[in-house]
């Protein structure tokens, strides 16, 4: 019980909750992680990947871009370029 209370307090969600909130399947979210489109905000000592509301927005953007015809590889490259520009 304490762990769930801490998660709610911190605003972090597990993978299933994050997928549901973003409107994608858990499998899609796991695939986004596997191909490097998304990183967890935190990994608990037990290995649970945790996400926040910014992660949900990123997942929704990935989903919309993919449905618009962008490949996941192209989306990943866009994110990489964006992150490079942000570091300049």
Protein backbone atom coordinates (compact mmCIF):
# COMPACT_ATOMS: atom_id res chain seq x y z
CA UNK A 1 0.00 0.00 0.00
CA UNK A 2 2.79 2.42 0.85
CA UNK A 3 4.39 1.99 -2.59
CA UNK A 4 1.18 2.94 -4.44
CA UNK A 5 0.74 5.98 -2.21
CA UNK A 6 4.31 7.06 -2.98
CA UNK A 7 3.69 6.63 -6.73
CA UNK A 8 0.55 8.76 -6.61
CA UNK A 9 2.35 11.39 -4.59
CA UNK A 10 5.27 11.55 -7.03
CA UNK A 11 2.97 11.49 -10.07
CA UNK A 12 4.77 8.51 -11.56
CA UNK A 13 2.93 5.67 -13.27
CA UNK A 14 3.79 2.12 -14.18
CA UNK A 15 3.79 0.97 -17.78
CA UNK A 16 0.17 -0.24 -17.84
CA UNK A 17 -1.20 2.96 -16.32
CA UNK A 18 0.91 5.06 -18.68
CA UNK A 19 -0.24 3.15 -21.76
CA UNK A 20 -3.87 3.50 -20.71
CA UNK A 21 -3.55 7.23 -20.07
CA UNK A 22 -1.76 7.74 -23.42
CA UNK A 23 -4.35 5.72 -25.32
CA UNK A 24 -1.98 3.06 -26.64
CA UNK A 25 -1.57 -0.62 -25.90
CA UNK A 26 0.94 -1.83 -23.36
CA UNK A 27 2.67 -3.72 -26.16
CA UNK A 28 3.05 -0.54 -28.23
CA UNK A 29 4.57 1.25 -25.27
CA UNK A 30 6.98 -1.62 -24.68
CA UNK A 31 7.96 -1.50 -28.36
CA UNK A 32 8.57 2.27 -28.17
CA UNK A 33 10.91 1.56 -25.26
CA UNK A 34 12.68 -1.24 -27.11
CA UNK A 35 13.40 0.86 -30.23
CA UNK A 36 14.59 3.87 -28.24
CA UNK A 37 11.66 6.25 -28.76
CA UNK A 38 11.04 6.54 -25.05
CA UNK A 39 12.94 6.21 -21.79
CA UNK A 40 11.45 5.73 -18.35
CA UNK A 41 11.70 8.67 -15.97
CA UNK A 42 12.76 6.29 -13.23
CA UNK A 43 13.50 2.61 -12.76
CA UNK A 44 12.70 1.29 -9.31
CA UNK A 45 15.09 -1.00 -7.43
CA UNK A 46 12.82 -3.90 -8.42
CA UNK A 47 13.16 -2.94 -12.12
CA UNK A 48 9.75 -1.33 -12.67
CA UNK A 49 9.83 1.39 -15.28
CA UNK A 50 8.05 4.55 -14.18
CA UNK A 51 6.68 7.38 -16.33
CA UNK A 52 5.26 10.86 -15.84
CA UNK A 53 2.80 13.11 -17.69
CA UNK A 54 5.54 14.36 -20.04
CA UNK A 55 6.07 10.72 -21.05
CA UNK A 56 2.34 10.41 -21.79
CA UNK A 57 2.50 13.46 -24.08
CA UNK A 58 5.54 12.05 -25.89
CA UNK A 59 3.78 8.70 -26.39
CA UNK A 60 0.72 10.47 -27.78
CA UNK A 61 2.96 12.44 -30.17
CA UNK A 62 4.70 9.25 -31.32
CA UNK A 63 1.33 7.61 -31.91
CA UNK A 64 -0.06 10.59 -33.87
CA UNK A 65 3.06 10.91 -36.02
CA UNK A 66 3.03 7.18 -36.75
CA UNK A 67 -0.66 7.28 -37.71
CA UNK A 68 0.13 10.27 -39.98
CA UNK A 69 2.49 8.09 -41.99
CA UNK A 70 5.86 8.63 -40.32
CA UNK A 71 7.80 5.46 -39.65
CA UNK A 72 9.00 4.84 -36.13
CA UNK A 73 12.58 5.12 -37.43
CA UNK A 74 11.82 8.58 -38.85
CA UNK A 75 10.16 9.64 -35.59
CA UNK A 76 13.20 8.48 -33.64
CA UNK A 77 15.50 10.47 -35.95
CA UNK A 78 13.31 13.57 -35.47
CA UNK A 79 13.60 13.21 -31.70
CA UNK A 80 17.37 12.74 -31.90
CA UNK A 81 17.72 15.90 -34.02
CA UNK A 82 15.47 17.83 -31.64
CA UNK A 83 17.55 16.77 -28.66
CA UNK A 84 20.78 17.77 -30.47
CA UNK A 85 19.32 21.21 -31.21
CA UNK A 86 18.23 21.61 -27.60
CA UNK A 87 21.79 20.97 -26.39
CA UNK A 88 23.24 23.75 -28.59
